[in-house]
N, C-alpha and C. Protein backbone atom coordinates (compact mmCIF):
# COMPACT_ATOMS: atom_id res chain seq x y z
N MET A 1 17.43 39.38 -11.29
CA MET A 1 16.22 38.87 -12.00
C MET A 1 16.22 37.41 -12.54
N PHE A 2 17.38 36.97 -13.55
CA PHE A 2 17.49 35.83 -13.82
C PHE A 2 17.57 34.66 -12.62
N LYS A 3 18.41 35.31 -11.60
CA LYS A 3 19.04 34.82 -10.72
C LYS A 3 17.98 33.92 -9.91
N LYS A 4 16.58 35.28 -9.68
CA LYS A 4 15.79 34.50 -9.17
C LYS A 4 15.02 34.04 -10.09
N LEU A 5 14.87 33.74 -10.79
CA LEU A 5 14.25 32.34 -11.80
C LEU A 5 15.21 31.44 -11.87
N ILE A 6 16.25 31.41 -11.57
CA ILE A 6 17.08 29.84 -11.93
C ILE A 6 16.50 29.45 -10.07
N ALA A 7 16.74 30.34 -8.69
CA ALA A 7 16.32 30.36 -7.66
C ALA A 7 15.46 29.11 -7.49
N ALA A 8 13.92 29.82 -8.17
CA ALA A 8 12.46 29.06 -8.03
C ALA A 8 12.20 28.10 -8.67
N THR A 9 13.14 27.84 -10.41
CA THR A 9 12.87 26.56 -10.23
C THR A 9 13.74 25.69 -9.83
N ALA A 10 15.13 25.58 -9.62
CA ALA A 10 15.88 24.72 -8.20
C ALA A 10 14.76 24.84 -7.11
N LEU A 11 14.92 25.34 -6.58
CA LEU A 11 13.73 25.36 -5.18
C LEU A 11 12.09 24.18 -5.57
N LEU A 12 11.58 24.55 -7.35
CA LEU A 12 10.84 23.75 -7.58
C LEU A 12 10.74 22.19 -7.59
N THR A 13 12.00 22.36 -8.42
CA THR A 13 12.11 20.76 -8.79
C THR A 13 12.81 20.49 -7.53
N LEU A 14 13.15 20.30 -6.23
CA LEU A 14 13.93 19.91 -5.45
C LEU A 14 12.35 19.62 -4.84
N GLY A 15 11.27 20.35 -4.50
CA GLY A 15 10.39 20.20 -3.95
C GLY A 15 9.68 18.96 -4.80
N SER A 16 9.35 18.87 -5.87
CA SER A 16 8.94 18.09 -6.61
C SER A 16 9.41 17.06 -6.75
N THR A 17 11.17 16.35 -6.76
CA THR A 17 11.71 15.65 -6.59
C THR A 17 11.01 14.62 -4.90
N ALA A 18 11.46 15.48 -3.79
CA ALA A 18 10.95 14.89 -2.78
C ALA A 18 9.68 14.48 -2.59
N ALA A 19 9.05 15.26 -3.05
CA ALA A 19 7.35 14.30 -3.08
C ALA A 19 7.53 13.29 -3.79
N MET A 20 7.69 13.27 -4.93
CA MET A 20 7.69 11.56 -6.04
C MET A 20 8.72 10.57 -5.36
N ALA A 21 9.94 10.87 -4.35
CA ALA A 21 10.30 9.47 -3.57
C ALA A 21 9.79 9.15 -2.27
N HIS A 22 8.37 9.07 -2.80
CA HIS A 22 8.51 7.78 -1.85
C HIS A 22 7.84 6.27 -2.31
N VAL A 23 7.68 5.40 -1.61
CA VAL A 23 7.86 4.29 -2.49
C VAL A 23 6.20 4.53 -2.75
N THR A 24 5.63 3.96 -3.64
CA THR A 24 4.42 3.94 -4.71
C THR A 24 3.44 2.29 -4.88
N LEU A 25 2.95 2.39 -5.40
CA LEU A 25 2.46 1.27 -6.40
C LEU A 25 1.95 1.14 -7.73
N GLU A 26 2.75 0.26 -8.19
CA GLU A 26 2.43 1.10 -9.71
C GLU A 26 1.16 0.65 -10.17
N GLY A 27 -0.18 0.08 -9.85
CA GLY A 27 -0.80 -0.34 -10.68
C GLY A 27 -2.19 0.67 -9.52
N LYS A 28 -2.49 1.73 -10.12
CA LYS A 28 -3.30 2.87 -8.87
C LYS A 28 -4.40 2.23 -8.87
N GLU A 29 -5.43 1.37 -9.72
CA GLU A 29 -6.59 1.02 -9.06
C GLU A 29 -6.75 -0.29 -9.42
N ALA A 30 -7.87 -1.29 -8.76
CA ALA A 30 -7.98 -2.58 -8.97
C ALA A 30 -9.89 -2.73 -8.85
N PRO A 31 -10.04 -3.67 -9.19
CA PRO A 31 -11.70 -4.25 -9.27
C PRO A 31 -11.64 -4.76 -7.37
N VAL A 32 -12.45 -5.25 -6.89
CA VAL A 32 -12.70 -5.92 -5.54
C VAL A 32 -12.85 -7.37 -6.57
N GLY A 33 -12.55 -8.36 -5.39
CA GLY A 33 -13.49 -9.25 -6.21
C GLY A 33 -12.69 -10.24 -7.17
N SER A 34 -11.38 -9.56 -7.06
CA SER A 34 -10.29 -10.08 -8.38
C SER A 34 -9.12 -9.88 -7.52
N THR A 35 -7.89 -10.68 -8.59
CA THR A 35 -6.78 -10.90 -8.48
C THR A 35 -5.46 -9.20 -8.61
N TYR A 36 -4.74 -9.01 -7.84
CA TYR A 36 -3.83 -8.02 -7.99
C TYR A 36 -2.60 -8.05 -7.82
N LYS A 37 -1.87 -7.80 -9.08
CA LYS A 37 -0.73 -8.14 -8.80
C LYS A 37 0.17 -6.72 -8.16
N ALA A 38 0.87 -6.14 -7.20
CA ALA A 38 1.17 -5.35 -6.12
C ALA A 38 2.85 -4.64 -6.80
N VAL A 39 2.91 -4.12 -7.40
CA VAL A 39 4.13 -3.63 -7.26
C VAL A 39 4.25 -2.55 -7.11
N PHE A 40 5.27 -2.84 -5.74
CA PHE A 40 6.00 -1.66 -4.56
C PHE A 40 7.32 -1.04 -6.03
N ARG A 41 6.82 0.21 -5.74
CA ARG A 41 8.19 0.92 -6.09
C ARG A 41 9.40 1.82 -4.86
N VAL A 42 10.50 0.97 -5.15
CA VAL A 42 10.98 2.01 -4.17
C VAL A 42 12.60 2.89 -4.54
N PRO A 43 12.12 4.34 -3.69
CA PRO A 43 13.39 5.03 -5.34
C PRO A 43 14.91 4.93 -4.84
N HIS A 44 14.38 4.33 -3.37
CA HIS A 44 16.15 5.28 -2.90
C HIS A 44 16.32 4.03 -1.62
N GLY A 45 16.85 4.73 -1.19
CA GLY A 45 17.40 4.56 0.58
C GLY A 45 17.61 5.32 1.23
N CYS A 46 18.36 5.40 2.25
CA CYS A 46 17.60 6.19 3.41
C CYS A 46 18.87 7.11 4.13
N ASP A 47 18.26 7.96 3.23
CA ASP A 47 19.88 9.27 3.67
C ASP A 47 20.54 8.76 3.23
N GLY A 48 21.10 8.16 1.89
CA GLY A 48 22.59 7.95 1.62
C GLY A 48 22.97 6.17 1.75
N LYS A 49 22.35 6.13 2.69
CA LYS A 49 22.35 4.74 3.12
C LYS A 49 21.04 3.70 2.07
N PRO A 50 22.24 2.40 1.72
CA PRO A 50 20.89 1.47 0.92
C PRO A 50 19.73 1.06 1.29
N THR A 51 18.97 -0.06 0.69
CA THR A 51 17.62 -0.29 1.68
C THR A 51 18.86 -1.66 2.11
N ASN A 52 18.21 -2.42 3.35
CA ASN A 52 18.35 -4.11 3.04
C ASN A 52 17.02 -4.85 3.74
N VAL A 53 15.93 -3.81 4.29
CA VAL A 53 15.52 -5.22 4.29
C VAL A 53 13.60 -3.84 3.30
N VAL A 54 12.96 -4.51 3.01
CA VAL A 54 11.95 -3.74 2.81
C VAL A 54 10.53 -4.91 3.08
N ARG A 55 9.92 -4.11 4.53
CA ARG A 55 8.76 -4.44 5.11
C ARG A 55 7.10 -4.34 4.13
N VAL A 56 6.50 -5.32 4.11
CA VAL A 56 4.59 -4.93 3.73
C VAL A 56 4.13 -5.23 4.42
N GLN A 57 2.99 -4.25 5.41
CA GLN A 57 1.91 -4.53 5.44
C GLN A 57 0.77 -5.07 5.09
N VAL A 58 0.38 -6.79 4.82
CA VAL A 58 -0.89 -6.75 3.98
C VAL A 58 -2.50 -6.46 5.06
N PRO A 59 -3.12 -5.68 4.20
CA PRO A 59 -4.06 -4.77 5.24
C PRO A 59 -4.96 -6.31 4.97
N GLU A 60 -6.11 -6.39 5.65
CA GLU A 60 -7.75 -7.39 5.91
C GLU A 60 -8.18 -7.11 4.77
N GLY A 61 -8.92 -8.83 4.45
CA GLY A 61 -9.51 -8.20 2.92
C GLY A 61 -8.51 -8.63 1.91
N VAL A 62 -6.91 -8.59 1.47
CA VAL A 62 -6.27 -8.49 0.86
C VAL A 62 -5.91 -10.17 1.12
N ILE A 63 -6.27 -11.39 0.61
CA ILE A 63 -5.96 -12.91 0.60
C ILE A 63 -5.51 -13.32 0.16
N SER A 64 -4.49 -14.53 0.54
CA SER A 64 -4.63 -15.52 -0.69
C SER A 64 -3.21 -15.05 -1.12
N VAL A 65 -2.21 -14.19 -0.34
CA VAL A 65 -0.92 -13.00 -0.79
C VAL A 65 -0.19 -14.18 -1.12
N LYS A 66 1.11 -13.83 -2.40
CA LYS A 66 1.87 -14.73 -2.89
C LYS A 66 3.14 -13.87 -2.94
N PRO A 67 4.06 -13.47 -2.29
CA PRO A 67 4.95 -12.61 -2.75
C PRO A 67 5.78 -13.15 -3.75
N GLN A 68 7.02 -12.30 -4.63
CA GLN A 68 7.86 -12.85 -5.53
C GLN A 68 8.69 -12.78 -5.53
N PRO A 69 10.27 -14.01 -4.98
CA PRO A 69 11.00 -13.67 -4.45
C PRO A 69 12.20 -13.19 -5.54
N LYS A 70 13.04 -12.43 -4.71
CA LYS A 70 14.15 -11.72 -5.41
C LYS A 70 15.56 -12.44 -5.71
N ALA A 71 15.86 -12.33 -6.14
CA ALA A 71 17.37 -12.39 -5.75
C ALA A 71 18.64 -11.90 -5.66
N GLY A 72 19.43 -12.36 -4.82
CA GLY A 72 19.90 -11.74 -3.52
C GLY A 72 19.42 -11.01 -2.40
N TRP A 73 17.59 -11.31 -2.29
CA TRP A 73 16.97 -10.94 -1.23
C TRP A 73 16.20 -12.24 -0.49
N LYS A 74 16.15 -12.34 0.98
CA LYS A 74 15.72 -13.60 1.42
C LYS A 74 14.39 -12.89 1.47
N LEU A 75 13.72 -13.79 2.01
CA LEU A 75 12.14 -13.90 1.40
C LEU A 75 11.14 -14.41 3.39
N GLU A 76 10.54 -13.20 3.64
CA GLU A 76 10.01 -14.02 4.91
C GLU A 76 8.47 -13.43 4.95
N LYS A 77 7.78 -14.20 5.19
CA LYS A 77 5.84 -14.40 4.73
C LYS A 77 5.60 -15.01 6.19
N VAL A 78 4.74 -13.49 7.17
CA VAL A 78 4.67 -13.84 8.43
C VAL A 78 2.56 -14.37 8.28
N ARG A 79 2.82 -14.99 8.59
CA ARG A 79 1.57 -15.72 8.93
C ARG A 79 0.53 -15.58 10.22
N GLY A 80 -1.14 -15.36 9.68
CA GLY A 80 -1.84 -14.72 10.90
C GLY A 80 -2.89 -14.77 10.14
N PRO A 81 -4.40 -14.37 11.66
CA PRO A 81 -5.50 -15.31 11.65
C PRO A 81 -5.78 -13.96 10.70
N TYR A 82 -7.06 -13.73 10.30
CA TYR A 82 -7.60 -12.70 9.73
C TYR A 82 -9.14 -12.43 10.41
N ALA A 83 -9.28 -10.81 10.63
CA ALA A 83 -10.40 -10.83 10.85
C ALA A 83 -11.93 -11.38 11.35
N LYS A 84 -11.88 -12.30 10.17
CA LYS A 84 -12.78 -12.86 9.38
C LYS A 84 -13.05 -14.33 9.11
N SER A 85 -13.88 -14.81 8.53
CA SER A 85 -12.94 -16.29 7.49
C SER A 85 -13.52 -14.96 6.07
N TYR A 86 -12.53 -15.54 5.23
CA TYR A 86 -13.34 -15.07 3.23
C TYR A 86 -13.26 -16.37 2.55
N ASP A 87 -14.11 -16.49 1.85
CA ASP A 87 -14.73 -16.62 0.77
C ASP A 87 -13.39 -16.70 -0.79
N TYR A 88 -12.49 -17.90 -0.84
CA TYR A 88 -11.70 -17.80 -1.85
C TYR A 88 -12.73 -19.13 -2.74
N TYR A 89 -13.42 -18.93 -3.67
CA TYR A 89 -13.17 -19.49 -4.87
C TYR A 89 -13.97 -20.77 -4.02
N GLY A 90 -14.90 -20.72 -3.71
CA GLY A 90 -15.17 -21.70 -2.33
C GLY A 90 -14.38 -22.43 -1.27
N THR A 91 -13.25 -21.95 -1.03
CA THR A 91 -12.95 -22.76 0.01
C THR A 91 -12.80 -21.95 1.19
N PRO A 92 -12.90 -21.78 2.52
CA PRO A 92 -13.34 -20.65 3.80
C PRO A 92 -11.76 -20.55 4.64
N THR A 93 -10.84 -19.47 3.27
CA THR A 93 -9.56 -18.75 4.12
C THR A 93 -10.12 -17.64 5.81
N SER A 94 -9.44 -18.35 6.98
CA SER A 94 -9.59 -18.05 7.74
C SER A 94 -8.42 -17.07 8.89
N GLU A 95 -7.41 -17.75 7.66
CA GLU A 95 -5.66 -17.27 8.14
C GLU A 95 -4.67 -17.37 6.56
N GLY A 96 -3.38 -16.05 7.32
CA GLY A 96 -3.24 -15.94 5.35
C GLY A 96 -1.95 -15.36 6.03
N VAL A 97 -0.98 -15.15 4.62
CA VAL A 97 0.57 -14.12 5.14
C VAL A 97 -0.32 -12.29 5.45
N LYS A 98 0.16 -12.01 6.62
CA LYS A 98 -0.07 -10.49 6.61
C LYS A 98 1.18 -9.10 7.17
N GLU A 99 2.47 -10.27 6.43
CA GLU A 99 3.53 -9.37 6.13
C GLU A 99 4.19 -10.40 5.28
N ILE A 100 5.06 -9.15 4.81
CA ILE A 100 6.25 -9.85 3.86
C ILE A 100 7.40 -9.16 3.75
N ILE A 101 8.26 -10.01 4.82
CA ILE A 101 9.85 -9.62 4.17
C ILE A 101 10.32 -10.17 3.35
N TRP A 102 11.27 -8.71 2.75
CA TRP A 102 12.31 -8.82 2.02
C TRP A 102 13.39 -8.28 2.79
N SER A 103 14.87 -9.10 3.08
CA SER A 103 15.72 -8.63 4.07
C SER A 103 16.91 -9.44 2.92
N GLY A 104 18.01 -8.35 3.50
CA GLY A 104 19.26 -9.13 3.01
C GLY A 104 20.11 -8.77 1.83
N GLY A 105 19.03 -7.97 1.46
CA GLY A 105 19.37 -6.97 -0.33
C GLY A 105 20.52 -6.22 -0.01
N ASN A 106 20.78 -5.58 -0.87
CA ASN A 106 21.34 -4.07 -1.04
C ASN A 106 20.47 -3.05 -2.07
N LEU A 107 19.57 -2.90 -1.79
CA LEU A 107 19.50 -1.45 -2.98
C LEU A 107 19.83 0.10 -2.49
N GLY A 108 20.97 0.37 -3.27
CA GLY A 108 21.21 1.34 -3.00
C GLY A 108 20.55 3.16 -3.11
N ASP A 109 21.02 3.72 -2.10
CA ASP A 109 20.43 5.18 -2.26
C ASP A 109 20.22 5.68 -3.71
N ASP A 110 20.89 5.57 -4.67
CA ASP A 110 21.04 6.34 -6.00
C ASP A 110 19.99 5.16 -6.91
N GLU A 111 19.63 3.59 -6.60
CA GLU A 111 19.16 2.95 -7.19
C GLU A 111 17.30 2.56 -7.19
N TYR A 112 17.24 2.23 -7.74
CA TYR A 112 15.70 1.96 -8.03
C TYR A 112 15.76 0.19 -8.11
N ASP A 113 14.44 -0.28 -6.97
CA ASP A 113 14.23 -1.44 -8.17
C ASP A 113 12.21 -1.88 -7.37
N GLU A 114 12.05 -2.89 -8.16
CA GLU A 114 10.29 -3.05 -6.70
C GLU A 114 10.57 -4.15 -6.65
N PHE A 115 9.14 -4.71 -5.99
CA PHE A 115 8.90 -5.38 -5.14
C PHE A 115 7.69 -5.26 -4.95
N VAL A 116 6.98 -7.41 -5.36
CA VAL A 116 5.98 -8.17 -6.30
C VAL A 116 5.32 -8.77 -5.06
N PHE A 117 4.01 -8.10 -5.46
CA PHE A 117 3.15 -10.20 -4.71
C PHE A 117 1.76 -9.98 -5.44
N ARG A 118 1.53 -11.52 -5.57
CA ARG A 118 -0.44 -11.13 -6.01
C ARG A 118 -0.47 -11.29 -4.76
N ALA A 119 -1.94 -11.20 -5.31
CA ALA A 119 -2.81 -10.81 -3.89
C ALA A 119 -4.75 -11.19 -4.47
N PHE A 120 -5.00 -11.62 -4.17
CA PHE A 120 -6.85 -11.77 -3.91
C PHE A 120 -7.37 -9.88 -3.05
N LEU A 121 -8.52 -9.07 -4.06
CA LEU A 121 -9.01 -8.29 -3.29
C LEU A 121 -10.14 -9.30 -2.76
N THR A 122 -10.93 -9.33 -1.91
CA THR A 122 -11.87 -9.43 -1.59
C THR A 122 -13.11 -8.58 -2.20
N PRO A 123 -14.45 -9.35 -1.75
CA PRO A 123 -15.56 -8.45 -2.34
C PRO A 123 -15.93 -7.65 -0.82
N ASP A 124 -15.58 -8.39 -0.25
CA ASP A 124 -16.06 -7.28 1.10
C ASP A 124 -15.28 -6.25 1.02
N LEU A 125 -14.07 -5.55 0.50
CA LEU A 125 -13.09 -4.72 0.24
C LEU A 125 -14.41 -3.80 -0.48
N LYS A 126 -14.41 -2.41 0.15
CA LYS A 126 -15.47 -1.02 -0.59
C LYS A 126 -15.10 -0.61 -1.86
N ALA A 127 -15.68 -0.84 -2.65
CA ALA A 127 -14.82 0.24 -4.15
C ALA A 127 -15.70 1.10 -3.42
N GLY A 128 -14.84 2.56 -4.26
CA GLY A 128 -14.44 3.74 -4.00
C GLY A 128 -13.69 4.20 -3.25
N GLU A 129 -12.85 3.66 -1.86
CA GLU A 129 -12.39 3.24 -1.69
C GLU A 129 -10.80 3.59 -2.02
N THR A 130 -10.38 4.36 -0.72
CA THR A 130 -8.60 3.34 -1.06
C THR A 130 -7.67 2.32 -0.69
N LEU A 131 -7.23 1.37 -0.64
CA LEU A 131 -6.54 0.60 0.26
C LEU A 131 -5.37 1.13 0.24
N TYR A 132 -3.98 0.86 1.78
CA TYR A 132 -3.47 0.60 1.73
C TYR A 132 -2.21 0.10 2.38
N PHE A 133 -1.14 -0.20 1.92
CA PHE A 133 -0.31 -0.78 2.46
C PHE A 133 0.93 -0.33 2.83
N PRO A 134 0.91 -0.49 5.00
CA PRO A 134 2.01 0.48 4.77
C PRO A 134 3.55 -0.75 5.01
N VAL A 135 4.33 0.73 4.48
CA VAL A 135 5.95 -0.02 4.26
C VAL A 135 7.02 0.29 4.96
N VAL A 136 7.71 -0.28 5.52
CA VAL A 136 8.50 -0.34 6.03
C VAL A 136 10.05 -0.37 5.34
N GLN A 137 10.81 0.76 4.98
CA GLN A 137 12.93 0.79 4.52
C GLN A 137 13.55 0.64 5.50
N GLU A 138 14.37 -0.44 5.66
CA GLU A 138 15.12 -0.92 7.00
C GLU A 138 16.43 -0.09 6.00
N CYS A 139 17.46 0.40 6.63
CA CYS A 139 18.79 1.10 6.29
C CYS A 139 19.87 0.45 7.35
N PRO A 140 20.72 0.56 7.00
CA PRO A 140 22.15 0.18 7.92
C PRO A 140 22.40 1.16 9.13
N GLU A 141 23.01 1.35 10.53
CA GLU A 141 23.32 2.27 11.27
C GLU A 141 21.56 2.73 12.07
N GLY A 142 20.44 1.56 11.96
CA GLY A 142 18.66 2.33 12.39
C GLY A 142 18.66 3.33 11.19
N ALA A 143 19.20 3.12 10.31
CA ALA A 143 18.39 4.11 9.03
C ALA A 143 16.61 3.85 9.29
N VAL A 144 15.76 4.40 8.81
CA VAL A 144 14.85 4.05 8.37
C VAL A 144 13.63 4.71 8.00
N GLU A 145 12.77 3.93 6.95
CA GLU A 145 12.12 5.21 6.34
C GLU A 145 10.39 4.32 6.39
N ARG A 146 9.01 5.10 6.72
CA ARG A 146 8.06 4.59 7.45
C ARG A 146 7.09 5.00 7.00
N TRP A 147 6.67 4.35 5.20
CA TRP A 147 5.67 4.92 4.55
C TRP A 147 4.69 4.64 4.92
N ILE A 148 4.24 4.78 6.34
CA ILE A 148 2.67 4.13 7.09
C ILE A 148 1.92 5.02 7.33
N GLU A 149 2.30 6.26 6.89
CA GLU A 149 0.50 7.25 7.25
C GLU A 149 -0.30 7.30 6.34
N ILE A 150 -1.76 7.34 6.52
CA ILE A 150 -3.10 6.56 6.22
C ILE A 150 -3.54 8.09 5.90
N PRO A 151 -4.66 8.62 5.08
CA PRO A 151 -4.74 10.05 5.19
C PRO A 151 -6.05 9.81 5.88
N ALA A 152 -6.30 10.98 6.86
CA ALA A 152 -7.87 10.81 7.17
C ALA A 152 -9.00 11.03 6.44
N GLU A 153 -9.84 11.32 7.36
CA GLU A 153 -11.03 10.67 5.90
C GLU A 153 -11.33 12.98 5.76
N GLY A 154 -11.27 12.69 4.43
CA GLY A 154 -11.35 14.09 3.37
C GLY A 154 -10.03 14.44 3.47
N LYS A 155 -8.90 13.62 3.35
CA LYS A 155 -7.15 14.11 2.96
C LYS A 155 -7.15 13.21 2.17
N THR A 156 -6.04 13.81 1.80
CA THR A 156 -5.48 12.19 0.40
C THR A 156 -4.11 12.42 0.93
N SER A 157 -3.10 11.12 0.20
CA SER A 157 -1.59 11.29 0.46
C SER A 157 -0.99 12.44 0.53
N ASP A 158 -1.28 13.24 -0.39
CA ASP A 158 -0.62 14.04 -0.74
C ASP A 158 -0.76 15.38 0.78
N ASP A 159 -1.17 15.10 1.45
CA ASP A 159 -1.19 15.37 2.38
C ASP A 159 -0.49 15.15 3.61
N LEU A 160 0.42 14.11 3.38
CA LEU A 160 1.35 13.85 4.46
C LEU A 160 2.87 13.50 4.38
N GLU A 161 3.28 13.57 5.15
CA GLU A 161 4.81 12.99 4.18
C GLU A 161 5.51 12.00 3.89
N LEU A 162 4.23 11.46 5.05
CA LEU A 162 5.24 9.87 4.57
C LEU A 162 4.55 8.25 3.97
N PRO A 163 3.44 8.96 3.26
CA PRO A 163 2.22 8.09 2.77
C PRO A 163 2.34 6.78 2.84
N ALA A 164 1.19 6.25 3.06
CA ALA A 164 1.32 4.42 2.61
C ALA A 164 1.23 4.57 1.23
N PRO A 165 1.65 3.40 0.57
CA PRO A 165 1.10 3.32 -0.65
C PRO A 165 -0.60 2.68 -1.03
N GLY A 166 -1.33 3.76 -1.54
CA GLY A 166 -2.25 3.02 -1.74
C GLY A 166 -3.00 2.62 -3.27
N VAL A 167 -4.25 1.72 -3.23
CA VAL A 167 -4.49 1.22 -4.78
C VAL A 167 -5.74 2.06 -4.31
N LYS A 168 -7.22 1.84 -5.37
CA LYS A 168 -8.24 3.03 -5.20
C LYS A 168 -8.96 1.55 -5.67
N LEU A 169 -10.21 1.34 -5.16
CA LEU A 169 -10.63 -0.43 -5.30
C LEU A 169 -11.88 0.37 -6.36
N LEU A 170 -12.53 -0.45 -7.13
CA LEU A 170 -13.02 -0.26 -8.15
C LEU A 170 -14.46 -1.45 -7.99
N GLU A 171 -15.40 -1.27 -8.48
CA GLU A 171 -16.54 -2.15 -8.38
C GLU A 171 -15.77 -3.09 -9.38
N LYS A 172 -16.13 -4.31 -8.62
CA LYS A 172 -16.34 -5.68 -8.90
C LYS A 172 -16.61 -5.53 -10.81
N ALA A 173 -15.68 -6.61 -11.33
CA ALA A 173 -15.78 -6.65 -12.55
C ALA A 173 -16.58 -7.03 -12.72
N ALA A 174 -17.27 -7.00 -14.05
CA ALA A 174 -18.59 -8.08 -14.37
C ALA A 174 -17.90 -9.66 -15.28
N GLY A 175 -18.43 -10.66 -15.12
CA GLY A 175 -17.70 -12.07 -15.63
C GLY A 175 -17.02 -13.07 -14.71
N HIS A 176 -15.94 -13.50 -15.37
CA HIS A 176 -15.38 -14.45 -14.55
C HIS A 176 -14.39 -14.00 -14.23
């Protein structure tokens, strides 16, 4: 009986560790029409290999993206046109950062780090929905972790094996 209890506990522990081992956002909620500080928590490398590249895709409706440089990592901002023009404090904005790439670093499989950017969540985004940021971790020898799955309607990230990190959008905050 005791052996079965230990085995069951070990399985539960391993299962919960695997479920918690994906890239997540520190801030789980943010109001539309406001600035958002996205802190991506990367808890490991790829199957024993260190992470050397972290790519974050910026979804439509997220503008004025300013990534935070990281010591020891090269920062690249891939710019492109938005699907439409957005009003950013009175300035029409029709293009900007669509992807952020931190590369050349060395995040060991047994280490943790955070990758950060600041952006504006346009009022065009729908409160009540979750906004997803697909993330890809690249490691040596072609190893890769693709946190890019977005749940279908009626499903949640818990239903997915490799969920993209997401932030729940709230109503626009009152005031300035």
